[in-house]
Amino acid sequence: MSDKNEALAICSEFAEEYGIDLNDDETIVVYMENEYVNKLKDILIHKKYKMYSFQVYANRALVQFIPEKAESIFD
């Protein structure tokens, strides 16, 4: 399974809305309940995927990351 497909499968466990950014075809964009953000962040760190942004809006969160092995901003 490619990193991109694996990342999309992970997102499907936590979010109803997720996909690949149309502007660059690499970044995964996830719009999710903010209660699951820490769990997703932990998985991304474990997989060593690079998280680019993380924004919280009331009870929702927008997460953007690149599903390729890289140093995380949280390391």
PDB file of N, CA and C in Angstrom:
ATOM      1  N   MET A   1       0.856  -1.183   0.000  1.00  0.00           N
ATOM      2  CA  MET A   1       0.000   0.000   0.000  1.00  0.00           C
ATOM      3  C   MET A   1       0.897   1.239   0.000  1.00  0.00           C
ATOM      4  N   SER A   2       0.604   2.187  -0.851  1.00  0.00           N
ATOM      5  CA  SER A   2       1.402   3.411  -0.909  1.00  0.00           C
ATOM      6  C   SER A   2       1.158   4.257   0.340  1.00  0.00           C
ATOM      7  N   ASP A   3       2.089   5.173   0.622  1.00  0.00           N
ATOM      8  CA  ASP A   3       1.932   6.068   1.764  1.00  0.00           C
ATOM      9  C   ASP A   3       0.643   6.874   1.654  1.00  0.00           C
ATOM     10  N   LYS A   4       0.314   7.319   0.442  1.00  0.00           N
ATOM     11  CA  LYS A   4      -0.898   8.125   0.248  1.00  0.00           C
ATOM     12  C   LYS A   4      -2.161   7.305   0.536  1.00  0.00           C
ATOM     13  N   ASN A   5      -2.210   6.091   0.042  1.00  0.00           N
ATOM     14  CA  ASN A   5      -3.371   5.230   0.293  1.00  0.00           C
ATOM     15  C   ASN A   5      -3.481   4.858   1.767  1.00  0.00           C
ATOM     16  N   GLU A   6      -2.340   4.595   2.394  1.00  0.00           N
ATOM     17  CA  GLU A   6      -2.339   4.279   3.820  1.00  0.00           C
ATOM     18  C   GLU A   6      -2.842   5.477   4.627  1.00  0.00           C
ATOM     19  N   ALA A   7      -2.400   6.679   4.269  1.00  0.00           N
ATOM     20  CA  ALA A   7      -2.836   7.891   4.962  1.00  0.00           C
ATOM     21  C   ALA A   7      -4.334   8.116   4.805  1.00  0.00           C
ATOM     22  N   LEU A   8      -4.857   7.900   3.620  1.00  0.00           N
ATOM     23  CA  LEU A   8      -6.304   8.050   3.405  1.00  0.00           C
ATOM     24  C   LEU A   8      -7.084   7.017   4.215  1.00  0.00           C
ATOM     25  N   ALA A   9      -6.555   5.809   4.326  1.00  0.00           N
ATOM     26  CA  ALA A   9      -7.215   4.777   5.132  1.00  0.00           C
ATOM     27  C   ALA A   9      -7.224   5.177   6.608  1.00  0.00           C
ATOM     28  N   ILE A  10      -6.141   5.749   7.096  1.00  0.00           N
ATOM     29  CA  ILE A  10      -6.081   6.230   8.481  1.00  0.00           C
ATOM     30  C   ILE A  10      -7.110   7.329   8.692  1.00  0.00           C
ATOM     31  N   CYS A  11      -7.190   8.271   7.764  1.00  0.00           N
ATOM     32  CA  CYS A  11      -8.141   9.380   7.878  1.00  0.00           C
ATOM     33  C   CYS A  11      -9.580   8.886   7.915  1.00  0.00           C
ATOM     34  N   SER A  12      -9.865   7.831   7.186  1.00  0.00           N
ATOM     35  CA  SER A  12     -11.232   7.331   7.131  1.00  0.00           C
ATOM     36  C   SER A  12     -11.717   6.846   8.501  1.00  0.00           C
ATOM     37  N   GLU A  13     -10.789   6.519   9.390  1.00  0.00           N
ATOM     38  CA  GLU A  13     -11.160   6.085  10.734  1.00  0.00           C
ATOM     39  C   GLU A  13     -11.569   7.243  11.633  1.00  0.00           C
ATOM     40  N   PHE A  14     -11.113   8.459  11.306  1.00  0.00           N
ATOM     41  CA  PHE A  14     -11.307   9.603  12.193  1.00  0.00           C
ATOM     42  C   PHE A  14     -12.176  10.710  11.629  1.00  0.00           C
ATOM     43  N   ALA A  15     -12.372  10.742  10.337  1.00  0.00           N
ATOM     44  CA  ALA A  15     -13.029  11.899   9.734  1.00  0.00           C
ATOM     45  C   ALA A  15     -13.990  11.480   8.632  1.00  0.00           C
ATOM     46  N   GLU A  16     -15.034  12.276   8.491  1.00  0.00           N
ATOM     47  CA  GLU A  16     -15.976  12.063   7.396  1.00  0.00           C
ATOM     48  C   GLU A  16     -15.531  12.803   6.142  1.00  0.00           C
ATOM     49  N   GLU A  17     -14.779  13.886   6.334  1.00  0.00           N
ATOM     50  CA  GLU A  17     -14.336  14.702   5.203  1.00  0.00           C
ATOM     51  C   GLU A  17     -12.815  14.728   5.157  1.00  0.00           C
ATOM     52  N   TYR A  18     -12.258  14.176   4.100  1.00  0.00           N
ATOM     53  CA  TYR A  18     -10.817  14.154   3.912  1.00  0.00           C
ATOM     54  C   TYR A  18     -10.543  13.906   2.439  1.00  0.00           C
ATOM     55  N   GLY A  19      -9.346  14.259   2.012  1.00  0.00           N
ATOM     56  CA  GLY A  19      -8.996  14.032   0.623  1.00  0.00           C
ATOM     57  C   GLY A  19      -7.642  14.603   0.296  1.00  0.00           C
ATOM     58  N   ILE A  20      -7.321  14.563  -0.963  1.00  0.00           N
ATOM     59  CA  ILE A  20      -6.037  15.059  -1.439  1.00  0.00           C
ATOM     60  C   ILE A  20      -6.225  16.483  -1.954  1.00  0.00           C
ATOM     61  N   ASP A  21      -5.329  17.372  -1.547  1.00  0.00           N
ATOM     62  CA  ASP A  21      -5.387  18.776  -1.962  1.00  0.00           C
ATOM     63  C   ASP A  21      -5.239  18.858  -3.481  1.00  0.00           C
ATOM     64  N   LEU A  22      -6.188  19.480  -4.131  1.00  0.00           N
ATOM     65  CA  LEU A  22      -6.162  19.594  -5.591  1.00  0.00           C
ATOM     66  C   LEU A  22      -5.051  20.499  -6.095  1.00  0.00           C
ATOM     67  N   ASN A  23      -4.551  21.390  -5.234  1.00  0.00           N
ATOM     68  CA  ASN A  23      -3.509  22.331  -5.658  1.00  0.00           C
ATOM     69  C   ASN A  23      -2.139  21.683  -5.811  1.00  0.00           C
ATOM     70  N   ASP A  24      -1.839  20.649  -5.013  1.00  0.00           N
ATOM     71  CA  ASP A  24      -0.494  20.067  -5.107  1.00  0.00           C
ATOM     72  C   ASP A  24      -0.472  18.540  -5.257  1.00  0.00           C
ATOM     73  N   ASP A  25      -1.601  17.886  -5.121  1.00  0.00           N
ATOM     74  CA  ASP A  25      -1.729  16.438  -5.303  1.00  0.00           C
ATOM     75  C   ASP A  25      -0.863  15.619  -4.348  1.00  0.00           C
ATOM     76  N   GLU A  26      -0.354  16.240  -3.270  1.00  0.00           N
ATOM     77  CA  GLU A  26       0.441  15.524  -2.277  1.00  0.00           C
ATOM     78  C   GLU A  26      -0.148  15.647  -0.885  1.00  0.00           C
ATOM     79  N   THR A  27      -0.620  16.838  -0.550  1.00  0.00           N
ATOM     80  CA  THR A  27      -1.094  17.112   0.795  1.00  0.00           C
ATOM     81  C   THR A  27      -2.454  16.478   1.040  1.00  0.00           C
ATOM     82  N   ILE A  28      -2.574  15.811   2.178  1.00  0.00           N
ATOM     83  CA  ILE A  28      -3.859  15.263   2.610  1.00  0.00           C
ATOM     84  C   ILE A  28      -4.508  16.314   3.501  1.00  0.00           C
ATOM     85  N   VAL A  29      -5.763  16.609   3.242  1.00  0.00           N
ATOM     86  CA  VAL A  29      -6.521  17.584   4.017  1.00  0.00           C
ATOM     87  C   VAL A  29      -7.625  16.833   4.752  1.00  0.00           C
ATOM     88  N   VAL A  30      -7.723  17.069   6.070  1.00  0.00           N
ATOM     89  CA  VAL A  30      -8.697  16.366   6.899  1.00  0.00           C
ATOM     90  C   VAL A  30      -9.503  17.394   7.685  1.00  0.00           C
ATOM     91  N   TYR A  31     -10.816  17.324   7.588  1.00  0.00           N
ATOM     92  CA  TYR A  31     -11.718  18.166   8.378  1.00  0.00           C
ATOM     93  C   TYR A  31     -12.442  17.218   9.320  1.00  0.00           C
ATOM     94  N   MET A  32     -12.247  17.393  10.616  1.00  0.00           N
ATOM     95  CA  MET A  32     -12.691  16.378  11.565  1.00  0.00           C
ATOM     96  C   MET A  32     -13.122  16.978  12.888  1.00  0.00           C
ATOM     97  N   GLU A  33     -13.770  16.158  13.724  1.00  0.00           N
ATOM     98  CA  GLU A  33     -14.096  16.545  15.085  1.00  0.00           C
ATOM     99  C   GLU A  33     -12.786  16.746  15.836  1.00  0.00           C
ATOM    100  N   ASN A  34     -12.674  17.829  16.596  1.00  0.00           N
ATOM    101  CA  ASN A  34     -11.393  18.108  17.244  1.00  0.00           C
ATOM    102  C   ASN A  34     -11.052  17.118  18.356  1.00  0.00           C
ATOM    103  N   GLU A  35     -12.018  16.339  18.822  1.00  0.00           N
ATOM    104  CA  GLU A  35     -11.731  15.358  19.866  1.00  0.00           C
ATOM    105  C   GLU A  35     -10.815  14.239  19.373  1.00  0.00           C
ATOM    106  N   TYR A  36     -10.711  14.046  18.054  1.00  0.00           N
ATOM    107  CA  TYR A  36      -9.869  12.995  17.491  1.00  0.00           C
ATOM    108  C   TYR A  36      -8.515  13.490  16.990  1.00  0.00           C
ATOM    109  N   VAL A  37      -8.266  14.779  17.086  1.00  0.00           N
ATOM    110  CA  VAL A  37      -7.035  15.346  16.534  1.00  0.00           C
ATOM    111  C   VAL A  37      -5.788  14.763  17.192  1.00  0.00           C
ATOM    112  N   ASN A  38      -5.784  14.643  18.506  1.00  0.00           N
ATOM    113  CA  ASN A  38      -4.597  14.111  19.177  1.00  0.00           C
ATOM    114  C   ASN A  38      -4.326  12.668  18.785  1.00  0.00           C
ATOM    115  N   LYS A  39      -5.358  11.885  18.610  1.00  0.00           N
ATOM    116  CA  LYS A  39      -5.181  10.499  18.183  1.00  0.00           C
ATOM    117  C   LYS A  39      -4.592  10.443  16.766  1.00  0.00           C
ATOM    118  N   LEU A  40      -5.117  11.284  15.867  1.00  0.00           N
ATOM    119  CA  LEU A  40      -4.569  11.354  14.507  1.00  0.00           C
ATOM    120  C   LEU A  40      -3.130  11.841  14.541  1.00  0.00           C
ATOM    121  N   LYS A  41      -2.851  12.861  15.329  1.00  0.00           N
ATOM    122  CA  LYS A  41      -1.487  13.393  15.447  1.00  0.00           C
ATOM    123  C   LYS A  41      -0.521  12.314  15.918  1.00  0.00           C
ATOM    124  N   ASP A  42      -0.923  11.522  16.905  1.00  0.00           N
ATOM    125  CA  ASP A  42      -0.067  10.447  17.406  1.00  0.00           C
ATOM    126  C   ASP A  42       0.234   9.425  16.318  1.00  0.00           C
ATOM    127  N   ILE A  43      -0.763   9.076  15.523  1.00  0.00           N
ATOM    128  CA  ILE A  43      -0.548   8.120  14.428  1.00  0.00           C
ATOM    129  C   ILE A  43       0.390   8.710  13.380  1.00  0.00           C
ATOM    130  N   LEU A  44       0.201   9.980  13.043  1.00  0.00           N
ATOM    131  CA  LEU A  44       1.065  10.622  12.049  1.00  0.00           C
ATOM    132  C   LEU A  44       2.514  10.673  12.529  1.00  0.00           C
ATOM    133  N   ILE A  45       2.705  10.967  13.809  1.00  0.00           N
ATOM    134  CA  ILE A  45       4.060  10.997  14.372  1.00  0.00           C
ATOM    135  C   ILE A  45       4.665   9.597  14.328  1.00  0.00           C
ATOM    136  N   HIS A  46       3.882   8.605  14.700  1.00  0.00           N
ATOM    137  CA  HIS A  46       4.367   7.217  14.675  1.00  0.00           C
ATOM    138  C   HIS A  46       4.761   6.799  13.257  1.00  0.00           C
ATOM    139  N   LYS A  47       3.974   7.207  12.274  1.00  0.00           N
ATOM    140  CA  LYS A  47       4.262   6.873  10.871  1.00  0.00           C
ATOM    141  C   LYS A  47       5.346   7.764  10.270  1.00  0.00           C
ATOM    142  N   LYS A  48       5.734   8.814  11.020  1.00  0.00           N
ATOM    143  CA  LYS A  48       6.727   9.802  10.576  1.00  0.00           C
ATOM    144  C   LYS A  48       6.272  10.563   9.326  1.00  0.00           C
ATOM    145  N   TYR A  49       4.968  10.851   9.274  1.00  0.00           N
ATOM    146  CA  TYR A  49       4.434  11.691   8.205  1.00  0.00           C
ATOM    147  C   TYR A  49       4.592  13.143   8.623  1.00  0.00           C
ATOM    148  N   LYS A  50       4.768  14.010   7.666  1.00  0.00           N
ATOM    149  CA  LYS A  50       5.012  15.417   7.964  1.00  0.00           C
ATOM    150  C   LYS A  50       3.692  16.182   8.054  1.00  0.00           C
ATOM    151  N   MET A  51       3.393  16.728   9.237  1.00  0.00           N
ATOM    152  CA  MET A  51       2.185  17.530   9.432  1.00  0.00           C
ATOM    153  C   MET A  51       2.523  18.986   9.140  1.00  0.00           C
ATOM    154  N   TYR A  52       1.767  19.614   8.231  1.00  0.00           N
ATOM    155  CA  TYR A  52       2.018  20.999   7.850  1.00  0.00           C
ATOM    156  C   TYR A  52       1.196  22.005   8.623  1.00  0.00           C
ATOM    157  N   SER A  53      -0.057  21.732   8.835  1.00  0.00           N
ATOM    158  CA  SER A  53      -0.854  22.696   9.589  1.00  0.00           C
ATOM    159  C   SER A  53      -1.937  21.985  10.367  1.00  0.00           C
ATOM    160  N   PHE A  54      -2.404  22.713  11.373  1.00  0.00           N
ATOM    161  CA  PHE A  54      -3.344  22.158  12.324  1.00  0.00           C
ATOM    162  C   PHE A  54      -4.127  23.360  12.838  1.00  0.00           C
ATOM    163  N   GLN A  55      -5.392  23.467  12.494  1.00  0.00           N
ATOM    164  CA  GLN A  55      -6.217  24.603  12.899  1.00  0.00           C
ATOM    165  C   GLN A  55      -7.496  24.084  13.536  1.00  0.00           C
ATOM    166  N   VAL A  56      -7.886  24.709  14.652  1.00  0.00           N
ATOM    167  CA  VAL A  56      -9.098  24.294  15.354  1.00  0.00           C
ATOM    168  C   VAL A  56     -10.136  25.401  15.234  1.00  0.00           C
ATOM    169  N   TYR A  57     -11.352  25.011  14.871  1.00  0.00           N
ATOM    170  CA  TYR A  57     -12.490  25.920  14.746  1.00  0.00           C
ATOM    171  C   TYR A  57     -13.608  25.372  15.624  1.00  0.00           C
ATOM    172  N   ALA A  58     -13.763  25.921  16.832  1.00  0.00           N
ATOM    173  CA  ALA A  58     -14.780  25.462  17.794  1.00  0.00           C
ATOM    174  C   ALA A  58     -14.603  23.964  18.034  1.00  0.00           C
ATOM    175  N   ASN A  59     -15.534  23.134  17.592  1.00  0.00           N
ATOM    176  CA  ASN A  59     -15.422  21.690  17.827  1.00  0.00           C
ATOM    177  C   ASN A  59     -14.923  20.923  16.604  1.00  0.00           C
ATOM    178  N   ARG A  60     -14.410  21.623  15.602  1.00  0.00           N
ATOM    179  CA  ARG A  60     -13.891  21.000  14.380  1.00  0.00           C
ATOM    180  C   ARG A  60     -12.429  21.383  14.195  1.00  0.00           C
ATOM    181  N   ALA A  61     -11.701  20.586  13.463  1.00  0.00           N
ATOM    182  CA  ALA A  61     -10.291  20.852  13.204  1.00  0.00           C
ATOM    183  C   ALA A  61      -9.977  20.589  11.738  1.00  0.00           C
ATOM    184  N   LEU A  62      -9.030  21.351  11.213  1.00  0.00           N
ATOM    185  CA  LEU A  62      -8.533  21.176   9.853  1.00  0.00           C
ATOM    186  C   LEU A  62      -7.057  20.803   9.965  1.00  0.00           C
ATOM    187  N   VAL A  63      -6.696  19.638   9.457  1.00  0.00           N
ATOM    188  CA  VAL A  63      -5.330  19.139   9.528  1.00  0.00           C
ATOM    189  C   VAL A  63      -4.831  18.934   8.108  1.00  0.00           C
ATOM    190  N   GLN A  64      -3.597  19.356   7.848  1.00  0.00           N
ATOM    191  CA  GLN A  64      -2.982  19.127   6.543  1.00  0.00           C
ATOM    192  C   GLN A  64      -1.635  18.464   6.771  1.00  0.00           C
ATOM    193  N   PHE A  65      -1.382  17.385   6.026  1.00  0.00           N
ATOM    194  CA  PHE A  65      -0.106  16.700   6.165  1.00  0.00           C
ATOM    195  C   PHE A  65       0.294  16.042   4.861  1.00  0.00           C
ATOM    196  N   ILE A  66       1.590  15.747   4.758  1.00  0.00           N
ATOM    197  CA  ILE A  66       2.141  15.056   3.595  1.00  0.00           C
ATOM    198  C   ILE A  66       2.370  13.594   3.999  1.00  0.00           C
ATOM    199  N   PRO A  67       1.781  12.651   3.301  1.00  0.00           N
ATOM    200  CA  PRO A  67       1.939  11.240   3.660  1.00  0.00           C
ATOM    201  C   PRO A  67       3.214  10.619   3.094  1.00  0.00           C
ATOM    202  N   GLU A  68       4.339  11.156   3.495  1.00  0.00           N
ATOM    203  CA  GLU A  68       5.604  10.557   3.115  1.00  0.00           C
ATOM    204  C   GLU A  68       6.505  10.646   4.328  1.00  0.00           C
ATOM    205  N   LYS A  69       7.401   9.743   4.422  1.00  0.00           N
ATOM    206  CA  LYS A  69       8.272   9.675   5.590  1.00  0.00           C
ATOM    207  C   LYS A  69       9.126  10.936   5.650  1.00  0.00           C
ATOM    208  N   ALA A  70       8.994  11.660   6.759  1.00  0.00           N
ATOM    209  CA  ALA A  70       9.726  12.909   6.949  1.00  0.00           C
ATOM    210  C   ALA A  70       9.732  13.237   8.420  1.00  0.00           C
ATOM    211  N   GLU A  71      10.572  14.176   8.808  1.00  0.00           N
ATOM    212  CA  GLU A  71      10.577  14.649  10.184  1.00  0.00           C
ATOM    213  C   GLU A  71       9.321  15.479  10.421  1.00  0.00           C
ATOM    214  N   SER A  72       8.668  15.249  11.525  1.00  0.00           N
ATOM    215  CA  SER A  72       7.458  15.978  11.879  1.00  0.00           C
ATOM    216  C   SER A  72       7.801  17.263  12.609  1.00  0.00           C
ATOM    217  N   ILE A  73       6.935  18.252  12.530  1.00  0.00           N
ATOM    218  CA  ILE A  73       7.147  19.486  13.273  1.00  0.00           C
ATOM    219  C   ILE A  73       6.942  19.251  14.757  1.00  0.00           C
ATOM    220  N   PHE A  74       6.382  18.091  15.139  1.00  0.00           N
ATOM    221  CA  PHE A  74       6.118  17.791  16.540  1.00  0.00           C
ATOM    222  C   PHE A  74       7.257  16.996  17.181  1.00  0.00           C
ATOM    223  N   ASP A  75       8.286  16.644  16.432  1.00  0.00           N
ATOM    224  CA  ASP A  75       9.412  15.885  17.000  1.00  0.00           C
ATOM    225  C   ASP A  75      10.297  16.788  17.815  1.00  0.00           C
TER     226      ASP A  75
END
